Every structure is written in structure tokens, then in C-alpha cells.
Amino acid sequence: MNLNQITVPVLDIPKSIAFYESLGLNLIVHTHDSYARLELPHGDATLSLSKVNQVPQGDGIKIFFECDDLDKKVTYLKTQGVVFKNDPIDQSWLWREAHLYDPDGNHLVLYRAGENRKNPPWRK
């Protein structure tokens, strides 16, 4: 099995396209203003945007994007006006994470885990 895509509910497709493009994703499909799909700069997974009338409230999914150059990426995105909940922080699970939200409140995490993503020291 391979992860194909994740679909995120959004209120404004053009606004969300601009936001995700600012993170470095590339637009590959745009069907009117009800659907769009973007590809990540590395790997085969894509991120889809689906227009909804109301985004779900509460603690939903978190979308994690791994960045080899996390601190540099966060610094750059801040100069482009992207607002982060926090600067990169080292976590006890050996990941470094910076949290932010897209224009519709979907929780995103830019992180760096390297080998610890799939092979942490406590893996069986």
C-alpha cells in the first residue's frame, strides 16, 4: 500500500491554493473553485483541497510535512507572512516540530525526524 493523497476541507479554494503553494507544494489539478490537488516537492503523495460550506470544528487530523531544513524553512516562510503557532521545538519523541494552521484552521506540522520517523530507538 502507498499513501496517495489526503483531502482537506476548505472554504476558499483559491486562497488555500495560494497558502499551500507558499509552503512549496505545486498545483497540478484545479477544477473550478470546488477542488484542487497539489503535489509535494518530494515523494508521490498529493494533497487535495475540497470546497465545503463549513469546515469541521474541534481537534481533527494533523497533517505532517517533513522538512530536511526545518529551521531555515520556517524562517523563510515567516518572511513570506506565514504565521506559526510556535517556532521549531525539539520534542521528547526525537522530532523537531513547528505548528501552524492553514486559512481554514486545519492543523499542520512542519517537522524534522530523519531516521527517528520510522526507526526511533524504542522501535521493536
N, C-alpha and C. Protein backbone atom coordinates (compact mmCIF):
# COMPACT_ATOMS: atom_id res chain seq x y z
N MET A 1 0.82 -1.17 0.00
CA MET A 1 0.00 0.00 0.00
C MET A 1 0.88 1.25 0.00
N ASN A 2 0.38 2.31 -0.61
CA ASN A 2 1.10 3.57 -0.65
C ASN A 2 0.08 4.69 -0.44
N LEU A 3 0.42 5.70 0.33
CA LEU A 3 -0.47 6.82 0.54
C LEU A 3 -0.55 7.63 -0.74
N ASN A 4 -1.76 7.79 -1.26
CA ASN A 4 -1.99 8.54 -2.49
C ASN A 4 -2.18 10.01 -2.18
N GLN A 5 -3.21 10.33 -1.41
CA GLN A 5 -3.50 11.73 -1.11
C GLN A 5 -4.26 11.86 0.18
N ILE A 6 -4.24 13.05 0.70
CA ILE A 6 -5.08 13.45 1.82
C ILE A 6 -5.93 14.60 1.29
N THR A 7 -7.22 14.60 1.61
CA THR A 7 -8.10 15.67 1.18
C THR A 7 -8.47 16.52 2.39
N VAL A 8 -8.29 17.83 2.23
CA VAL A 8 -8.51 18.78 3.31
C VAL A 8 -9.74 19.63 2.97
N PRO A 9 -10.67 19.79 3.93
CA PRO A 9 -11.83 20.64 3.68
C PRO A 9 -11.44 22.12 3.80
N VAL A 10 -11.86 22.91 2.80
CA VAL A 10 -11.55 24.35 2.81
C VAL A 10 -12.76 25.15 2.36
N LEU A 11 -12.78 26.41 2.76
CA LEU A 11 -13.88 27.30 2.38
C LEU A 11 -13.60 28.04 1.08
N ASP A 12 -12.34 28.33 0.82
CA ASP A 12 -11.98 29.16 -0.33
C ASP A 12 -10.82 28.50 -1.06
N ILE A 13 -11.12 27.86 -2.18
CA ILE A 13 -10.10 27.11 -2.93
C ILE A 13 -8.95 28.01 -3.37
N PRO A 14 -9.18 29.14 -4.04
CA PRO A 14 -8.05 29.97 -4.47
C PRO A 14 -7.16 30.43 -3.31
N LYS A 15 -7.76 30.81 -2.20
CA LYS A 15 -6.98 31.25 -1.03
C LYS A 15 -6.13 30.10 -0.49
N SER A 16 -6.72 28.90 -0.45
CA SER A 16 -5.99 27.73 0.06
C SER A 16 -4.89 27.31 -0.91
N ILE A 17 -5.16 27.40 -2.21
CA ILE A 17 -4.12 27.09 -3.19
C ILE A 17 -2.91 28.00 -2.95
N ALA A 18 -3.16 29.28 -2.81
CA ALA A 18 -2.07 30.24 -2.59
C ALA A 18 -1.29 29.90 -1.32
N PHE A 19 -2.00 29.53 -0.25
CA PHE A 19 -1.33 29.20 1.00
C PHE A 19 -0.43 27.97 0.83
N TYR A 20 -0.97 26.90 0.27
CA TYR A 20 -0.18 25.67 0.13
C TYR A 20 0.96 25.84 -0.88
N GLU A 21 0.75 26.65 -1.90
CA GLU A 21 1.86 26.95 -2.81
C GLU A 21 2.95 27.72 -2.08
N SER A 22 2.57 28.58 -1.14
CA SER A 22 3.60 29.31 -0.37
C SER A 22 4.43 28.37 0.48
N LEU A 23 3.87 27.20 0.84
CA LEU A 23 4.63 26.19 1.59
C LEU A 23 5.54 25.37 0.69
N GLY A 24 5.36 25.49 -0.64
CA GLY A 24 6.22 24.77 -1.57
C GLY A 24 5.54 23.68 -2.37
N LEU A 25 4.22 23.49 -2.19
CA LEU A 25 3.50 22.49 -2.97
C LEU A 25 3.20 23.06 -4.36
N ASN A 26 3.04 22.16 -5.34
CA ASN A 26 2.80 22.57 -6.73
C ASN A 26 1.41 22.16 -7.18
N LEU A 27 0.64 23.12 -7.69
CA LEU A 27 -0.71 22.87 -8.17
C LEU A 27 -0.67 21.99 -9.41
N ILE A 28 -1.45 20.88 -9.40
CA ILE A 28 -1.49 20.00 -10.58
C ILE A 28 -2.91 19.84 -11.13
N VAL A 29 -3.94 20.09 -10.31
CA VAL A 29 -5.33 20.00 -10.76
C VAL A 29 -6.11 21.12 -10.11
N HIS A 30 -6.95 21.81 -10.90
CA HIS A 30 -7.82 22.85 -10.35
C HIS A 30 -9.14 22.79 -11.13
N THR A 31 -10.16 22.23 -10.50
CA THR A 31 -11.47 22.07 -11.11
C THR A 31 -12.38 23.16 -10.58
N HIS A 32 -12.59 24.19 -11.36
CA HIS A 32 -13.42 25.32 -10.95
C HIS A 32 -12.93 25.80 -9.58
N ASP A 33 -13.85 26.12 -8.70
CA ASP A 33 -13.44 26.51 -7.36
C ASP A 33 -13.98 25.55 -6.32
N SER A 34 -14.09 24.27 -6.71
CA SER A 34 -14.59 23.28 -5.77
C SER A 34 -13.56 22.21 -5.41
N TYR A 35 -12.46 22.13 -6.18
CA TYR A 35 -11.48 21.09 -5.93
C TYR A 35 -10.13 21.48 -6.52
N ALA A 36 -9.09 21.12 -5.83
CA ALA A 36 -7.73 21.30 -6.34
C ALA A 36 -6.86 20.21 -5.76
N ARG A 37 -5.79 19.87 -6.47
CA ARG A 37 -4.81 18.91 -5.97
C ARG A 37 -3.43 19.48 -6.18
N LEU A 38 -2.59 19.30 -5.17
CA LEU A 38 -1.22 19.78 -5.22
C LEU A 38 -0.28 18.62 -4.95
N GLU A 39 0.89 18.67 -5.59
CA GLU A 39 1.89 17.64 -5.32
C GLU A 39 2.97 18.22 -4.42
N LEU A 40 3.52 17.34 -3.61
CA LEU A 40 4.61 17.74 -2.74
C LEU A 40 5.90 17.75 -3.54
N PRO A 41 6.88 18.55 -3.12
CA PRO A 41 8.13 18.61 -3.87
C PRO A 41 8.90 17.29 -3.92
N HIS A 42 8.67 16.40 -2.95
CA HIS A 42 9.36 15.11 -2.89
C HIS A 42 8.33 14.02 -2.61
N GLY A 43 8.53 12.86 -3.18
CA GLY A 43 7.63 11.73 -2.94
C GLY A 43 6.47 11.74 -3.90
N ASP A 44 5.56 10.78 -3.71
CA ASP A 44 4.44 10.61 -4.62
C ASP A 44 3.10 11.07 -4.07
N ALA A 45 3.00 11.36 -2.79
CA ALA A 45 1.73 11.74 -2.19
C ALA A 45 1.30 13.13 -2.66
N THR A 46 -0.02 13.31 -2.70
CA THR A 46 -0.57 14.62 -3.06
C THR A 46 -1.51 15.08 -1.96
N LEU A 47 -1.83 16.36 -2.00
CA LEU A 47 -2.77 16.96 -1.06
C LEU A 47 -3.90 17.55 -1.87
N SER A 48 -5.13 17.15 -1.56
CA SER A 48 -6.30 17.67 -2.27
C SER A 48 -7.03 18.67 -1.38
N LEU A 49 -7.64 19.65 -2.02
CA LEU A 49 -8.45 20.65 -1.35
C LEU A 49 -9.87 20.50 -1.87
N SER A 50 -10.83 20.34 -0.98
CA SER A 50 -12.22 20.16 -1.36
C SER A 50 -13.06 21.25 -0.71
N LYS A 51 -13.79 21.99 -1.53
CA LYS A 51 -14.61 23.08 -1.00
C LYS A 51 -15.77 22.53 -0.20
N VAL A 52 -15.95 23.11 0.98
CA VAL A 52 -17.07 22.77 1.86
C VAL A 52 -17.76 24.07 2.27
N ASN A 53 -18.96 23.96 2.77
CA ASN A 53 -19.69 25.14 3.24
C ASN A 53 -19.29 25.51 4.65
N GLN A 54 -18.80 24.52 5.40
CA GLN A 54 -18.37 24.76 6.78
C GLN A 54 -17.28 23.76 7.10
N VAL A 55 -16.15 24.26 7.61
CA VAL A 55 -15.08 23.34 7.98
C VAL A 55 -15.39 22.71 9.33
N PRO A 56 -15.02 21.45 9.51
CA PRO A 56 -15.26 20.80 10.80
C PRO A 56 -14.53 21.54 11.92
N GLN A 57 -15.15 21.61 13.05
CA GLN A 57 -14.56 22.27 14.22
C GLN A 57 -13.98 21.23 15.17
N GLY A 58 -13.07 21.67 16.02
CA GLY A 58 -12.52 20.77 17.02
C GLY A 58 -11.19 20.19 16.60
N ASP A 59 -10.75 19.21 17.34
CA ASP A 59 -9.47 18.56 17.08
C ASP A 59 -9.65 17.49 16.01
N GLY A 60 -9.28 17.83 14.81
CA GLY A 60 -9.37 16.88 13.71
C GLY A 60 -8.01 16.30 13.42
N ILE A 61 -7.76 16.06 12.17
CA ILE A 61 -6.48 15.50 11.77
C ILE A 61 -5.38 16.54 11.83
N LYS A 62 -4.16 16.08 11.89
CA LYS A 62 -2.98 16.92 11.75
C LYS A 62 -2.25 16.40 10.52
N ILE A 63 -1.77 17.32 9.72
CA ILE A 63 -1.01 16.94 8.53
C ILE A 63 0.45 17.30 8.78
N PHE A 64 1.32 16.31 8.65
CA PHE A 64 2.75 16.50 8.91
C PHE A 64 3.51 16.55 7.59
N PHE A 65 4.34 17.57 7.45
CA PHE A 65 5.22 17.71 6.30
C PHE A 65 6.66 17.71 6.81
N GLU A 66 7.44 16.71 6.41
CA GLU A 66 8.83 16.66 6.87
C GLU A 66 9.70 17.56 6.00
N CYS A 67 10.56 18.32 6.66
CA CYS A 67 11.48 19.26 6.00
C CYS A 67 12.90 18.96 6.46
N ASP A 68 13.79 18.69 5.52
CA ASP A 68 15.19 18.46 5.89
C ASP A 68 15.80 19.70 6.53
N ASP A 69 15.37 20.87 6.08
CA ASP A 69 15.91 22.14 6.54
C ASP A 69 14.85 22.91 7.32
N LEU A 70 14.28 22.28 8.34
CA LEU A 70 13.13 22.80 9.07
C LEU A 70 13.31 24.25 9.53
N ASP A 71 14.37 24.53 10.26
CA ASP A 71 14.54 25.88 10.81
C ASP A 71 14.65 26.93 9.70
N LYS A 72 15.37 26.60 8.68
CA LYS A 72 15.52 27.50 7.53
C LYS A 72 14.18 27.71 6.83
N LYS A 73 13.42 26.64 6.66
CA LYS A 73 12.11 26.71 6.01
C LYS A 73 11.16 27.59 6.82
N VAL A 74 11.11 27.40 8.12
CA VAL A 74 10.23 28.20 8.98
C VAL A 74 10.62 29.67 8.91
N THR A 75 11.91 29.95 9.00
CA THR A 75 12.39 31.34 8.92
C THR A 75 11.97 31.97 7.60
N TYR A 76 12.15 31.23 6.51
CA TYR A 76 11.76 31.75 5.19
C TYR A 76 10.26 32.00 5.12
N LEU A 77 9.46 31.03 5.55
CA LEU A 77 8.01 31.18 5.47
C LEU A 77 7.51 32.36 6.29
N LYS A 78 8.14 32.59 7.44
CA LYS A 78 7.77 33.76 8.25
C LYS A 78 8.01 35.06 7.49
N THR A 79 9.10 35.13 6.71
CA THR A 79 9.36 36.35 5.92
C THR A 79 8.32 36.51 4.82
N GLN A 80 7.62 35.42 4.47
CA GLN A 80 6.57 35.46 3.46
C GLN A 80 5.18 35.69 4.07
N GLY A 81 5.14 35.90 5.38
CA GLY A 81 3.88 36.20 6.05
C GLY A 81 3.14 35.02 6.64
N VAL A 82 3.74 33.82 6.58
CA VAL A 82 3.10 32.65 7.17
C VAL A 82 3.26 32.75 8.69
N VAL A 83 2.14 32.57 9.40
CA VAL A 83 2.14 32.69 10.86
C VAL A 83 2.20 31.29 11.47
N PHE A 84 3.11 31.11 12.42
CA PHE A 84 3.28 29.84 13.11
C PHE A 84 2.76 29.94 14.54
N LYS A 85 2.22 28.85 15.04
CA LYS A 85 1.81 28.78 16.45
C LYS A 85 3.05 28.77 17.34
N ASN A 86 4.11 28.11 16.85
CA ASN A 86 5.37 28.08 17.60
C ASN A 86 6.54 27.89 16.63
N ASP A 87 7.69 28.35 17.08
CA ASP A 87 8.93 28.10 16.34
C ASP A 87 9.28 26.62 16.51
N PRO A 88 10.22 26.11 15.72
CA PRO A 88 10.61 24.70 15.87
C PRO A 88 11.05 24.38 17.31
N ILE A 89 10.51 23.29 17.82
CA ILE A 89 10.79 22.84 19.19
C ILE A 89 11.20 21.37 19.14
N ASP A 90 12.26 21.02 19.86
CA ASP A 90 12.66 19.62 19.99
C ASP A 90 11.67 18.91 20.90
N GLN A 91 11.15 17.78 20.42
CA GLN A 91 10.16 17.01 21.17
C GLN A 91 10.82 15.79 21.82
N SER A 92 10.20 15.26 22.85
CA SER A 92 10.76 14.11 23.57
C SER A 92 10.79 12.86 22.69
N TRP A 93 9.99 12.82 21.63
CA TRP A 93 9.98 11.66 20.72
C TRP A 93 11.01 11.82 19.60
N LEU A 94 11.93 12.76 19.78
CA LEU A 94 13.10 12.98 18.92
C LEU A 94 12.75 13.60 17.56
N TRP A 95 11.63 14.32 17.52
CA TRP A 95 11.28 15.10 16.34
C TRP A 95 11.43 16.57 16.70
N ARG A 96 11.68 17.38 15.72
CA ARG A 96 11.68 18.84 15.88
C ARG A 96 10.47 19.34 15.11
N GLU A 97 9.58 20.09 15.76
CA GLU A 97 8.30 20.45 15.16
C GLU A 97 7.99 21.93 15.27
N ALA A 98 7.33 22.45 14.23
CA ALA A 98 6.75 23.80 14.24
C ALA A 98 5.30 23.63 13.80
N HIS A 99 4.37 24.19 14.56
CA HIS A 99 2.94 24.04 14.28
C HIS A 99 2.38 25.32 13.67
N LEU A 100 1.43 25.15 12.76
CA LEU A 100 0.74 26.27 12.13
C LEU A 100 -0.62 25.79 11.66
N TYR A 101 -1.43 26.72 11.17
CA TYR A 101 -2.77 26.41 10.68
C TYR A 101 -2.95 27.01 9.30
N ASP A 102 -3.66 26.28 8.45
CA ASP A 102 -3.96 26.84 7.13
C ASP A 102 -5.08 27.87 7.28
N PRO A 103 -5.49 28.55 6.21
CA PRO A 103 -6.51 29.59 6.34
C PRO A 103 -7.84 29.12 6.91
N ASP A 104 -8.12 27.82 6.87
CA ASP A 104 -9.38 27.29 7.40
C ASP A 104 -9.23 26.61 8.75
N GLY A 105 -8.06 26.75 9.36
CA GLY A 105 -7.86 26.19 10.69
C GLY A 105 -7.41 24.75 10.72
N ASN A 106 -7.06 24.16 9.56
CA ASN A 106 -6.53 22.80 9.56
C ASN A 106 -5.12 22.83 10.14
N HIS A 107 -4.86 21.93 11.06
CA HIS A 107 -3.60 21.89 11.81
C HIS A 107 -2.50 21.23 10.98
N LEU A 108 -1.43 21.98 10.77
CA LEU A 108 -0.27 21.49 10.03
C LEU A 108 0.93 21.46 10.95
N VAL A 109 1.83 20.52 10.70
CA VAL A 109 3.08 20.43 11.45
C VAL A 109 4.20 20.29 10.44
N LEU A 110 5.12 21.24 10.45
CA LEU A 110 6.36 21.09 9.70
C LEU A 110 7.35 20.50 10.70
N TYR A 111 8.04 19.45 10.30
CA TYR A 111 8.89 18.77 11.27
C TYR A 111 10.12 18.19 10.60
N ARG A 112 11.05 17.77 11.45
CA ARG A 112 12.24 17.04 11.03
C ARG A 112 12.42 15.89 12.00
N ALA A 113 12.40 14.67 11.46
CA ALA A 113 12.58 13.49 12.29
C ALA A 113 13.73 12.62 11.79
N GLY A 114 14.02 12.69 10.51
CA GLY A 114 15.08 11.85 9.96
C GLY A 114 14.81 10.38 10.22
N GLU A 115 15.83 9.66 10.64
CA GLU A 115 15.72 8.23 10.93
C GLU A 115 14.70 7.93 12.02
N ASN A 116 14.48 8.89 12.92
CA ASN A 116 13.57 8.64 14.05
C ASN A 116 12.11 8.59 13.63
N ARG A 117 11.79 8.99 12.39
CA ARG A 117 10.39 8.92 11.94
C ARG A 117 9.91 7.48 11.92
N LYS A 118 10.68 6.60 11.32
CA LYS A 118 10.26 5.20 11.25
C LYS A 118 11.10 4.28 12.12
N ASN A 119 12.23 4.75 12.58
CA ASN A 119 13.12 3.90 13.37
C ASN A 119 13.61 4.59 14.63
N PRO A 120 12.69 4.95 15.53
CA PRO A 120 13.14 5.55 16.78
C PRO A 120 13.88 4.50 17.62
N PRO A 121 14.68 4.94 18.58
CA PRO A 121 15.46 3.98 19.39
C PRO A 121 14.60 2.95 20.10
N TRP A 122 13.35 3.25 20.36
CA TRP A 122 12.48 2.33 21.11
C TRP A 122 11.67 1.41 20.19
N ARG A 123 11.91 1.47 18.89
CA ARG A 123 11.17 0.60 17.96
C ARG A 123 11.51 -0.86 18.23
N LYS A 124 10.52 -1.71 18.12
CA LYS A 124 10.72 -3.15 18.33
C LYS A 124 11.22 -3.80 17.09
